[in-house]
């Protein structure tokens, strides 16, 4: 079941990125530092692995700010807002009710995931970013792989969420 979910997510991400196309040449890199970018920078480790790509510096800052928001929503348990803010392709994995029920059930079983630490960031073709975070609770160390892409409206949206749990010893 988990493999099917991951496969669907990967296919949907590929389709979404294929349809979105490459817009990086249309957007000039920006250097503004607003509050979300500063917060995202505070959670980043000293050495971030950045793979070469075509996305702009603004895309990277926006993806990091979006990741901070997603992690805050996960930590607070606001799963409906997480689903509503996600990209249309992400929502094709199931209904909001199914998504919320699954995440609420997981939260009840393992508790609140906390202490997010960014461990890597990489670019995808077409203004996409993959940010990986390590979070934990009393039972598990969890790696979240958050994929973001810019929507046609200009907002950086969650396009994929993969999770790998490792039981603490």
Protein backbone atom coordinates (compact mmCIF):
# COMPACT_ATOMS: atom_id res chain seq x y z
CA UNK A 1 0.00 0.00 0.00
CA UNK A 2 2.81 2.39 0.92
CA UNK A 3 4.62 1.54 -2.34
CA UNK A 4 1.48 2.30 -4.35
CA UNK A 5 1.12 5.64 -2.56
CA UNK A 6 4.76 6.52 -3.24
CA UNK A 7 4.45 5.44 -6.87
CA UNK A 8 1.30 7.51 -7.37
CA UNK A 9 2.99 10.51 -5.76
CA UNK A 10 6.06 10.17 -7.97
CA UNK A 11 3.98 9.85 -11.14
CA UNK A 12 1.80 12.80 -10.19
CA UNK A 13 4.86 14.90 -9.42
CA UNK A 14 6.41 14.01 -12.77
CA UNK A 15 3.19 14.87 -14.64
CA UNK A 16 2.78 18.14 -12.75
CA UNK A 17 6.36 19.20 -13.39
CA UNK A 18 6.06 18.22 -17.05
CA UNK A 19 2.93 20.33 -17.44
CA UNK A 20 4.40 23.23 -15.47
CA UNK A 21 7.46 23.52 -17.73
CA UNK A 22 10.55 25.60 -17.19
CA UNK A 23 9.86 29.18 -16.18
CA UNK A 24 13.22 30.03 -14.60
CA UNK A 25 14.34 32.13 -17.57
CA UNK A 26 11.25 34.30 -17.17
CA UNK A 27 11.93 35.11 -13.53
CA UNK A 28 14.84 37.24 -12.39
CA UNK A 29 16.58 36.08 -9.22
CA UNK A 30 15.62 38.19 -6.23
CA UNK A 31 17.50 38.86 -3.03
CA UNK A 32 14.73 40.14 -0.78
CA UNK A 33 14.72 38.80 2.73
CA UNK A 34 11.35 38.72 4.38
CA UNK A 35 10.28 37.14 7.60
CA UNK A 36 9.47 33.68 6.11
CA UNK A 37 12.85 33.50 4.40
CA UNK A 38 14.65 34.46 7.59
CA UNK A 39 12.80 31.77 9.50
CA UNK A 40 13.63 29.20 6.83
CA UNK A 41 17.28 30.21 6.95
CA UNK A 42 17.32 29.70 10.72
CA UNK A 43 16.26 26.05 10.32
CA UNK A 44 18.85 25.31 7.62
CA UNK A 45 22.06 23.55 8.62
CA UNK A 46 25.47 25.14 8.07
CA UNK A 47 26.14 22.95 5.03
CA UNK A 48 23.21 22.39 2.71
CA UNK A 49 23.65 20.10 -0.24
CA UNK A 50 22.37 21.99 -3.29
CA UNK A 51 22.29 20.09 -6.54
CA UNK A 52 22.73 22.13 -9.70
CA UNK A 53 19.45 23.16 -11.25
CA UNK A 54 17.67 25.93 -13.07
CA UNK A 55 15.47 27.36 -10.33
CA UNK A 56 16.18 30.88 -9.09
CA UNK A 57 17.36 32.02 -5.67
CA UNK A 58 13.85 33.36 -5.04
CA UNK A 59 12.41 29.90 -5.79
CA UNK A 60 14.77 28.37 -3.25
CA UNK A 61 13.84 30.93 -0.59
CA UNK A 62 10.14 30.47 -1.33
CA UNK A 63 10.47 26.67 -1.15
CA UNK A 64 12.24 26.92 2.21
CA UNK A 65 9.56 29.28 3.54
CA UNK A 66 6.85 26.91 2.28
CA UNK A 67 8.62 23.99 3.99
CA UNK A 68 8.65 25.88 7.30
CA UNK A 69 4.89 26.39 6.93
CA UNK A 70 4.26 22.72 6.06
CA UNK A 71 6.31 21.55 9.05
CA UNK A 72 4.41 23.96 11.33
CA UNK A 73 1.08 22.62 10.04
CA UNK A 74 2.25 19.03 10.59
CA UNK A 75 3.43 19.86 14.10
CA UNK A 76 0.20 21.68 15.01
CA UNK A 77 -1.98 18.97 13.48
CA UNK A 78 -3.68 21.34 11.03
CA UNK A 79 -3.93 18.69 8.31
CA UNK A 80 -6.94 20.29 6.54
CA UNK A 81 -4.92 23.48 5.94
CA UNK A 82 -1.96 21.40 4.73
CA UNK A 83 -4.19 19.66 2.17
CA UNK A 84 -5.94 22.87 1.05
CA UNK A 85 -2.61 24.69 0.52
CA UNK A 86 -1.11 21.83 -1.53
CA UNK A 87 -0.83 21.70 -5.32
CA UNK A 88 -3.70 20.28 -7.37
CA UNK A 89 -1.56 17.30 -8.39
CA UNK A 90 -0.91 16.48 -4.74
CA UNK A 91 -4.65 16.38 -4.05
CA UNK A 92 -5.13 13.66 -6.67
CA UNK A 93 -3.83 11.11 -4.16
CA UNK A 94 -7.20 11.20 -2.39
CA UNK A 95 -9.85 13.32 -0.79
CA UNK A 96 -9.21 15.82 1.99
CA UNK A 97 -11.14 13.60 4.42
CA UNK A 98 -8.94 10.59 3.61
CA UNK A 99 -5.77 12.65 3.92
CA UNK A 100 -6.79 14.21 7.24
CA UNK A 101 -7.95 10.87 8.69
CA UNK A 102 -4.66 9.18 7.76
CA UNK A 103 -2.50 11.90 9.29
CA UNK A 104 -4.66 12.15 12.42
CA UNK A 105 -4.44 8.38 12.89
CA UNK A 106 -0.66 8.47 12.51
CA UNK A 107 -0.41 11.36 14.96
CA UNK A 108 -2.46 9.42 17.54
CA UNK A 109 -0.23 6.36 17.17
CA UNK A 110 3.21 8.02 17.20
CA UNK A 111 2.65 11.45 18.71
CA UNK A 112 3.75 14.85 17.56
CA UNK A 113 6.81 14.99 15.37
CA UNK A 114 9.14 17.75 16.51
CA UNK A 115 12.61 19.28 16.20
CA UNK A 116 12.80 19.52 12.39
CA UNK A 117 16.35 19.71 11.07
CA UNK A 118 16.92 20.36 7.37
CA UNK A 119 19.37 17.81 6.02
CA UNK A 120 19.33 18.51 2.29
CA UNK A 121 17.84 20.58 -0.49
CA UNK A 122 17.90 19.85 -4.18
CA UNK A 123 16.45 21.30 -7.35
CA UNK A 124 14.14 19.69 -9.86
CA UNK A 125 13.64 20.71 -13.48
CA UNK A 126 11.07 23.48 -13.83
CA UNK A 127 11.42 25.50 -10.60
CA UNK A 128 10.92 22.58 -8.25
CA UNK A 129 12.70 21.86 -5.00
CA UNK A 130 13.03 18.82 -2.76
CA UNK A 131 13.81 19.57 0.88
CA UNK A 132 14.56 16.77 3.31
CA UNK A 133 14.04 17.14 7.05
CA UNK A 134 14.76 14.86 9.99
CA UNK A 135 12.11 15.03 12.72
CA UNK A 136 11.49 12.79 15.70
CA UNK A 137 9.15 11.78 18.49
CA UNK A 138 9.41 9.29 21.34
CA UNK A 139 9.20 6.25 19.03
CA UNK A 140 10.62 7.23 15.64
CA UNK A 141 13.18 9.22 13.76
CA UNK A 142 11.42 10.32 10.60
CA UNK A 143 12.72 11.73 7.35
CA UNK A 144 10.26 13.96 5.53
CA UNK A 145 10.94 14.60 1.87
CA UNK A 146 8.94 17.66 0.84
CA UNK A 147 8.65 18.54 -2.84
CA UNK A 148 7.57 22.03 -3.89
CA UNK A 149 6.69 23.56 -7.24
CA UNK A 150 5.54 27.02 -8.22
CA UNK A 151 1.87 27.20 -9.25
CA UNK A 152 0.62 29.23 -12.19
CA UNK A 153 -0.56 31.83 -9.70
CA UNK A 154 3.05 32.19 -8.49
CA UNK A 155 2.71 30.46 -5.11
CA UNK A 156 5.22 27.79 -4.07
CA UNK A 157 3.04 24.76 -3.26
CA UNK A 158 3.55 21.35 -1.72
CA UNK A 159 3.63 18.88 -4.61
CA UNK A 160 4.82 15.78 -2.77
CA UNK A 161 5.32 14.47 0.73
CA UNK A 162 7.21 11.27 1.41
CA UNK A 163 7.95 9.93 4.85
CA UNK A 164 10.41 7.31 6.06
CA UNK A 165 10.18 6.20 9.69
CA UNK A 166 13.02 4.55 11.59
CA UNK A 167 12.24 2.99 14.96
CA UNK A 168 14.38 4.37 17.78
CA UNK A 169 16.37 1.79 19.70
